[in-house]
Amino acid sequence: MEVAGAHRGKVDVRSAATKRKELAQLASLFLKQHSAYDMIPVSFRLIVLDTKLLVTKALSTLVQNGVESAPMYDSAQTCFAGMLTTTDLVNLIQYYYSNFSYTEAIEDLGKVHLENYKELLLRFKSRQTNTLCANPLDTLYEVSRRLLATDYSALALVDEDTETGNDVIVSVLSIYRILNFMAVNIDDKKKLKQHSLYDMQIGTYSDLVTATMDASVIDVIRMFVDNNISVVPILDDGGVVLNVFAESDIILLAREGLLDELDISVSEALALRPDDYPGVHTCTQSDTLFSVLDTIRKTHVQRLIVVDDDIRPVGVVALSDVLRALIL
């Protein structure tokens, strides 16, 4: 794949394929040697939402706890019932903002329980509830392939109570945690340093969606929904990357009680970020896979903006792009 301004010449397809296969063999072997159980911390907090909860209360729980997804549990059927995610919140905002007033939206959502959430989702978008799950004893390789077969970034680890046969939600496992675990524990880090994004052809370099600081928040939310993305690079008048607007910024607006003021500009919304917000992180196509994984591990970002020498965006690298390159 050739990107203007990034490199001269074209990728040697055969060489790139050989390098990708070599590295994927190493990473896949590592993932096959570890189970999802290895990823469960000794001490951690797990938020589980009962399907009897109202949608408004469930979404508020996500917002107040700063988490991007939480498993739902059907206490009547004693089973895992899917995942509630911040992407669902963004889709809800878009649907209700376009069709109703904020007051009507709150009144409507205030009557819907999570057990009816599937019908609510299908009302505004042909998107099924994330019911993806895995057993804690499944290998990380199996879990990774399951995640990459969907557009979800996390799944629930669900075990069975040996006495009752009921589902037991053990944890939530994300692509971020898998990559972080690999970056820390894989032995042969030398190979990660030998491969760049360019020769591995990692990332998306066409149809890049961008916005400016004066764009309204609701317009960016429409970009999220229409393009099935979760981050938009924010550029200045010269096309230089200034910042990014992400789904996590919607969570901040919700926490501030500003979901009825989505006509404010991106600039105003970004000013609400806390001082320790990670902000924008960029890379170039010449950056190695090792450096990209190191940045992801240290910053907890979900995507990196790929820029040229003039800090203009040429692509986006998502965590799923990186994991896909490391899987046979």
Protein backbone atom coordinates (compact mmCIF):
# COMPACT_ATOMS: atom_id res chain seq x y z
CA MET A 1 0.00 0.00 0.00
CA GLU A 2 1.44 3.33 -1.06
CA VAL A 3 0.80 6.50 0.91
CA ALA A 4 1.65 9.90 -0.56
CA GLY A 5 4.22 11.77 1.46
CA ALA A 6 5.03 8.82 3.70
CA HIS A 7 7.47 6.76 1.66
CA ARG A 8 8.80 6.72 -1.84
CA GLY A 9 8.33 3.63 -3.92
CA LYS A 10 6.03 0.73 -3.31
CA VAL A 11 5.93 -2.04 -0.77
CA ASP A 12 7.59 -5.29 -1.83
CA VAL A 13 4.45 -7.39 -1.39
CA ARG A 14 6.31 -10.69 -1.19
CA SER A 15 8.80 -9.34 1.37
CA ALA A 16 6.01 -7.78 3.45
CA ALA A 17 4.04 -11.03 3.40
CA THR A 18 7.10 -13.00 4.51
CA LYS A 19 7.80 -10.58 7.37
CA ARG A 20 4.18 -10.60 8.47
CA LYS A 21 4.07 -14.42 8.48
CA GLU A 22 7.34 -14.70 10.42
CA LEU A 23 6.17 -12.32 13.13
CA ALA A 24 2.66 -13.78 13.19
CA GLN A 25 4.12 -17.25 13.80
CA LEU A 26 6.00 -15.93 16.84
CA ALA A 27 3.00 -14.03 18.23
CA SER A 28 0.49 -16.79 17.51
CA LEU A 29 2.67 -19.35 19.31
CA PHE A 30 2.85 -17.02 22.32
CA LEU A 31 -0.94 -16.54 22.35
CA LYS A 32 -1.51 -20.31 22.09
CA GLN A 33 0.69 -20.88 25.14
CA HIS A 34 -1.44 -18.65 27.38
CA SER A 35 -5.08 -18.85 28.39
CA ALA A 36 -7.53 -16.07 29.11
CA TYR A 37 -7.24 -17.13 32.75
CA ASP A 38 -3.63 -15.86 32.72
CA MET A 39 -5.00 -12.37 32.07
CA ILE A 40 -7.21 -12.20 35.18
CA PRO A 41 -5.60 -9.98 37.84
CA VAL A 42 -5.35 -11.14 41.45
CA SER A 43 -7.45 -8.15 42.52
CA PHE A 44 -9.75 -6.16 40.24
CA ARG A 45 -13.14 -4.45 40.02
CA LEU A 46 -15.84 -5.97 37.82
CA ILE A 47 -19.08 -4.15 37.07
CA VAL A 48 -21.99 -6.42 36.10
CA LEU A 49 -25.36 -4.97 35.10
CA ASP A 50 -28.59 -6.84 35.88
CA THR A 51 -30.95 -6.86 32.90
CA LYS A 52 -33.74 -5.57 35.18
CA LEU A 53 -31.91 -2.22 35.34
CA LEU A 54 -33.28 0.71 33.37
CA VAL A 55 -31.11 1.64 30.37
CA THR A 56 -30.61 5.15 31.78
CA LYS A 57 -29.27 3.78 35.09
CA ALA A 58 -27.04 1.25 33.31
CA LEU A 59 -25.52 3.89 31.03
CA SER A 60 -25.06 6.18 34.03
CA THR A 61 -23.14 3.37 35.74
CA LEU A 62 -20.75 3.16 32.75
CA VAL A 63 -20.28 6.93 32.76
CA GLN A 64 -19.75 7.32 36.50
CA ASN A 65 -17.23 4.47 36.64
CA GLY A 66 -15.36 5.54 33.52
CA VAL A 67 -15.57 2.10 31.87
CA GLU A 68 -16.14 1.47 28.17
CA SER A 69 -18.11 -1.76 28.52
CA ALA A 70 -19.79 -3.92 31.13
CA PRO A 71 -21.38 -7.38 30.95
CA MET A 72 -25.12 -7.81 31.47
CA TYR A 73 -26.56 -10.68 33.53
CA ASP A 74 -30.06 -12.12 33.30
CA SER A 75 -30.83 -13.03 36.92
CA ALA A 76 -34.09 -14.76 35.96
CA GLN A 77 -32.38 -17.11 33.49
CA THR A 78 -29.08 -17.04 35.48
CA CYS A 79 -27.04 -16.45 32.35
CA PHE A 80 -24.80 -13.93 30.59
CA ALA A 81 -26.91 -11.59 28.47
CA GLY A 82 -24.40 -9.56 26.47
CA MET A 83 -22.34 -6.39 26.83
CA LEU A 84 -23.34 -2.75 27.21
CA THR A 85 -20.77 -0.44 25.60
CA THR A 86 -20.01 3.26 25.17
CA THR A 87 -20.47 2.72 21.42
CA ASP A 88 -24.10 1.87 22.20
CA LEU A 89 -24.36 5.15 24.11
CA VAL A 90 -23.02 7.08 21.10
CA ASN A 91 -25.54 5.35 18.80
CA LEU A 92 -28.37 6.12 21.22
CA ILE A 93 -27.38 9.79 21.35
CA GLN A 94 -27.33 10.01 17.55
CA TYR A 95 -30.72 8.32 17.19
CA TYR A 96 -32.50 10.37 19.83
CA TYR A 97 -30.83 13.66 18.93
CA SER A 98 -31.98 13.25 15.33
CA ASN A 99 -35.53 12.14 16.10
CA PHE A 100 -36.59 13.53 19.47
CA SER A 101 -35.87 16.27 21.97
CA TYR A 102 -33.48 15.58 24.85
CA THR A 103 -36.39 15.57 27.31
CA GLU A 104 -38.33 13.05 25.22
CA ALA A 105 -35.22 10.88 24.93
CA ILE A 106 -34.70 10.76 28.69
CA GLU A 107 -38.38 9.98 29.26
CA ASP A 108 -38.31 7.23 26.64
CA LEU A 109 -35.09 5.63 27.87
CA GLY A 110 -36.33 5.92 31.45
CA LYS A 111 -38.97 3.30 30.63
CA VAL A 112 -36.71 0.73 28.92
CA HIS A 113 -34.97 -2.07 30.82
CA LEU A 114 -31.77 -3.75 29.65
CA GLU A 115 -33.71 -6.95 28.99
CA ASN A 116 -35.43 -5.09 26.13
CA TYR A 117 -32.20 -3.53 24.94
CA LYS A 118 -31.85 -5.69 21.83
CA GLU A 119 -35.12 -4.32 20.46
CA LEU A 120 -34.01 -0.78 21.29
CA LEU A 121 -30.74 -1.23 19.39
CA LEU A 122 -32.46 -2.60 16.31
CA ARG A 123 -34.84 0.37 16.34
CA PHE A 124 -32.12 2.85 15.43
CA LYS A 125 -29.38 0.71 13.90
CA SER A 126 -29.05 -2.82 12.57
CA ARG A 127 -26.62 -3.76 15.28
CA GLN A 128 -26.97 -6.78 17.53
CA THR A 129 -26.11 -6.69 21.21
CA ASN A 130 -22.52 -7.80 21.83
CA THR A 131 -23.03 -11.32 23.20
CA LEU A 132 -19.43 -12.33 22.53
CA CYS A 133 -17.89 -14.39 25.33
CA ALA A 134 -15.17 -16.94 26.03
CA ASN A 135 -14.29 -19.47 28.69
CA PRO A 136 -11.39 -18.46 30.96
CA LEU A 137 -9.53 -21.62 29.88
CA ASP A 138 -9.67 -20.70 26.16
CA THR A 139 -6.29 -19.72 24.75
CA LEU A 140 -5.56 -16.08 24.00
CA TYR A 141 -5.19 -17.16 20.39
CA GLU A 142 -8.79 -18.44 20.34
CA VAL A 143 -10.03 -15.30 22.09
CA SER A 144 -8.12 -13.04 19.68
CA ARG A 145 -9.56 -14.74 16.59
CA ARG A 146 -13.05 -14.48 18.08
CA LEU A 147 -12.63 -10.74 18.67
CA LEU A 148 -11.17 -10.11 15.21
CA ALA A 149 -14.12 -11.87 13.58
CA THR A 150 -16.35 -9.07 14.92
CA ASP A 151 -16.09 -5.29 15.26
CA TYR A 152 -16.01 -5.49 19.06
CA SER A 153 -12.95 -4.61 21.13
CA ALA A 154 -13.82 -6.66 24.23
CA LEU A 155 -15.66 -9.78 25.33
CA ALA A 156 -16.83 -11.32 28.60
CA LEU A 157 -15.11 -14.29 30.23
CA VAL A 158 -17.91 -16.58 31.34
CA ASP A 159 -17.51 -19.80 33.35
CA GLU A 160 -20.06 -22.30 34.66
CA ASP A 161 -20.90 -22.89 38.30
CA THR A 162 -20.20 -26.61 38.75
CA GLU A 163 -22.94 -27.00 41.36
CA THR A 164 -25.79 -25.08 39.75
CA GLY A 165 -24.81 -24.94 36.07
CA ASN A 166 -25.42 -21.18 36.10
CA ASP A 167 -23.23 -18.75 34.18
CA VAL A 168 -20.59 -16.97 36.23
CA ILE A 169 -19.16 -13.77 34.73
CA VAL A 170 -15.47 -13.82 35.64
CA SER A 171 -13.99 -10.79 33.89
CA VAL A 172 -13.88 -8.70 30.72
CA LEU A 173 -11.02 -9.16 28.25
CA SER A 174 -10.15 -6.49 25.68
CA ILE A 175 -7.83 -6.28 22.69
CA TYR A 176 -5.90 -3.63 24.61
CA ARG A 177 -5.20 -6.03 27.50
CA ILE A 178 -4.12 -8.80 25.11
CA LEU A 179 -1.65 -6.52 23.31
CA ASN A 180 -0.38 -5.13 26.60
CA PHE A 181 0.18 -8.66 27.94
CA MET A 182 2.03 -9.62 24.77
CA ALA A 183 4.20 -6.48 24.77
CA VAL A 184 5.34 -7.14 28.34
CA ASN A 185 5.75 -10.91 28.26
CA ILE A 186 6.81 -12.00 24.76
CA ASP A 187 10.45 -13.12 24.90
CA ASP A 188 11.75 -12.26 21.44
CA LYS A 189 11.19 -8.49 21.42
CA LYS A 190 13.97 -8.13 18.85
CA LYS A 191 11.62 -9.21 16.07
CA LEU A 192 9.09 -6.58 17.12
CA LYS A 193 11.82 -3.96 16.70
CA GLN A 194 12.68 -5.20 13.20
CA HIS A 195 9.26 -4.58 11.67
CA SER A 196 7.70 -1.20 10.90
CA LEU A 197 4.07 -0.32 10.30
CA TYR A 198 5.02 0.29 6.67
CA ASP A 199 6.53 -3.07 5.86
CA MET A 200 3.81 -4.85 7.88
CA GLN A 201 1.11 -2.77 6.12
CA ILE A 202 -0.66 -2.10 9.42
CA GLY A 203 -3.36 0.58 9.52
CA THR A 204 -6.06 2.23 7.42
CA TYR A 205 -4.88 4.76 4.85
CA SER A 206 -7.95 5.63 2.81
CA ASP A 207 -11.24 7.46 3.42
CA LEU A 208 -9.83 9.11 6.55
CA VAL A 209 -12.55 11.05 8.41
CA THR A 210 -11.41 14.31 10.02
CA ALA A 211 -12.91 17.46 11.57
CA THR A 212 -11.85 20.90 12.77
CA MET A 213 -12.08 22.60 16.17
CA ASP A 214 -15.20 24.56 15.18
CA ALA A 215 -17.18 21.46 14.18
CA SER A 216 -20.09 20.68 16.49
CA VAL A 217 -19.99 17.66 18.77
CA ILE A 218 -23.18 16.24 17.27
CA ASP A 219 -21.60 16.39 13.80
CA VAL A 220 -18.64 14.34 15.06
CA ILE A 221 -21.03 11.87 16.69
CA ARG A 222 -22.69 11.44 13.29
CA MET A 223 -19.23 10.69 11.87
CA PHE A 224 -18.76 8.01 14.52
CA VAL A 225 -22.08 6.35 13.70
CA ASP A 226 -21.99 6.69 9.90
CA ASN A 227 -18.43 5.40 9.56
CA ASN A 228 -18.40 2.88 12.44
CA ILE A 229 -15.39 4.58 14.04
CA SER A 230 -14.61 5.76 17.57
CA VAL A 231 -12.08 8.56 17.03
CA VAL A 232 -11.80 11.52 14.63
CA PRO A 233 -8.54 13.48 14.13
CA ILE A 234 -9.01 17.23 14.71
CA LEU A 235 -7.05 19.40 12.25
CA ASP A 236 -6.15 23.07 11.94
CA ASP A 237 -6.80 25.11 8.78
CA GLY A 238 -3.54 23.81 7.30
CA GLY A 239 -4.46 20.17 7.77
CA VAL A 240 -2.08 19.61 10.71
CA VAL A 241 -3.21 17.29 13.51
CA LEU A 242 -4.08 19.30 16.64
CA ASN A 243 -5.99 16.72 18.65
CA VAL A 244 -8.50 13.89 18.43
CA PHE A 245 -12.12 13.62 19.49
CA ALA A 246 -13.02 10.15 20.78
CA GLU A 247 -15.98 8.27 22.22
CA SER A 248 -14.40 8.77 25.65
CA ASP A 249 -15.04 12.51 25.21
CA ILE A 250 -18.76 11.73 24.96
CA ILE A 251 -18.47 10.00 28.32
CA LEU A 252 -16.93 13.18 29.77
CA LEU A 253 -19.83 15.24 28.40
CA ALA A 254 -22.30 12.78 29.90
CA ARG A 255 -20.53 13.00 33.25
CA GLU A 256 -20.81 16.80 33.11
CA GLY A 257 -24.53 16.55 32.31
CA LEU A 258 -24.09 18.16 28.89
CA LEU A 259 -25.81 15.63 26.62
CA ASP A 260 -28.46 18.26 25.90
CA GLU A 261 -25.82 20.70 24.62
CA LEU A 262 -24.25 18.75 21.75
CA ASP A 263 -24.26 21.78 19.46
CA ILE A 264 -21.18 23.08 21.29
CA SER A 265 -17.94 23.04 19.32
CA VAL A 266 -15.26 20.38 19.55
CA SER A 267 -12.98 23.08 20.98
CA GLU A 268 -15.39 23.70 23.87
CA ALA A 269 -15.82 19.98 24.51
CA LEU A 270 -12.07 19.30 24.58
CA ALA A 271 -11.64 22.06 27.17
CA LEU A 272 -13.62 19.88 29.60
CA ARG A 273 -10.96 17.18 29.66
CA PRO A 274 -9.12 16.67 32.96
CA ASP A 275 -5.49 17.74 33.18
CA ASP A 276 -4.27 14.12 33.12
CA TYR A 277 -6.16 13.21 29.92
CA PRO A 278 -3.78 11.28 27.60
CA GLY A 279 -4.59 13.47 24.58
CA VAL A 280 -3.51 12.78 21.00
CA HIS A 281 -0.79 10.26 20.18
CA THR A 282 0.71 9.99 16.74
CA CYS A 283 3.16 7.75 14.95
CA THR A 284 4.74 7.43 11.52
CA GLN A 285 4.79 4.50 9.16
CA SER A 286 8.49 4.04 9.89
CA ASP A 287 7.78 3.41 13.60
CA THR A 288 8.41 -0.16 14.67
CA LEU A 289 5.77 -2.48 16.00
CA PHE A 290 7.69 -2.51 19.29
CA SER A 291 7.47 1.28 19.68
CA VAL A 292 3.76 1.28 18.77
CA LEU A 293 3.02 -1.43 21.35
CA ASP A 294 5.07 0.49 23.92
CA THR A 295 3.06 3.66 23.27
CA ILE A 296 -0.23 1.75 23.53
CA ARG A 297 0.89 0.15 26.79
CA LYS A 298 1.99 3.42 28.41
CA THR A 299 -0.85 5.67 27.25
CA HIS A 300 -3.90 3.36 27.18
CA VAL A 301 -4.91 4.85 23.80
CA GLN A 302 -7.18 2.83 21.53
CA ARG A 303 -5.86 4.25 18.26
CA LEU A 304 -2.81 6.08 16.94
CA ILE A 305 -2.98 8.73 14.22
CA VAL A 306 -0.38 8.08 11.51
CA VAL A 307 1.18 11.35 10.32
CA ASP A 308 3.69 12.43 7.68
CA ASP A 309 6.73 14.66 8.20
CA ASP A 310 4.47 17.75 8.29
CA ILE A 311 2.22 16.26 11.02
CA ARG A 312 -0.61 15.82 8.54
CA PRO A 313 -2.72 12.69 8.98
CA VAL A 314 -2.26 9.88 6.47
CA GLY A 315 -3.92 7.04 8.35
CA VAL A 316 -5.11 5.50 11.57
CA VAL A 317 -3.80 2.44 13.41
CA ALA A 318 -6.43 0.72 15.58
CA LEU A 319 -5.62 -1.90 18.19
CA SER A 320 -7.47 -4.46 16.08
CA ASP A 321 -5.14 -3.64 13.13
CA VAL A 322 -2.12 -4.47 15.29
CA LEU A 323 -3.61 -7.69 16.68
CA ARG A 324 -4.72 -8.82 13.22
CA ALA A 325 -1.15 -8.44 11.94
CA LEU A 326 0.06 -10.71 14.73
CA ILE A 327 -2.39 -13.55 14.13
CA LEU A 328 -1.94 -16.36 11.59
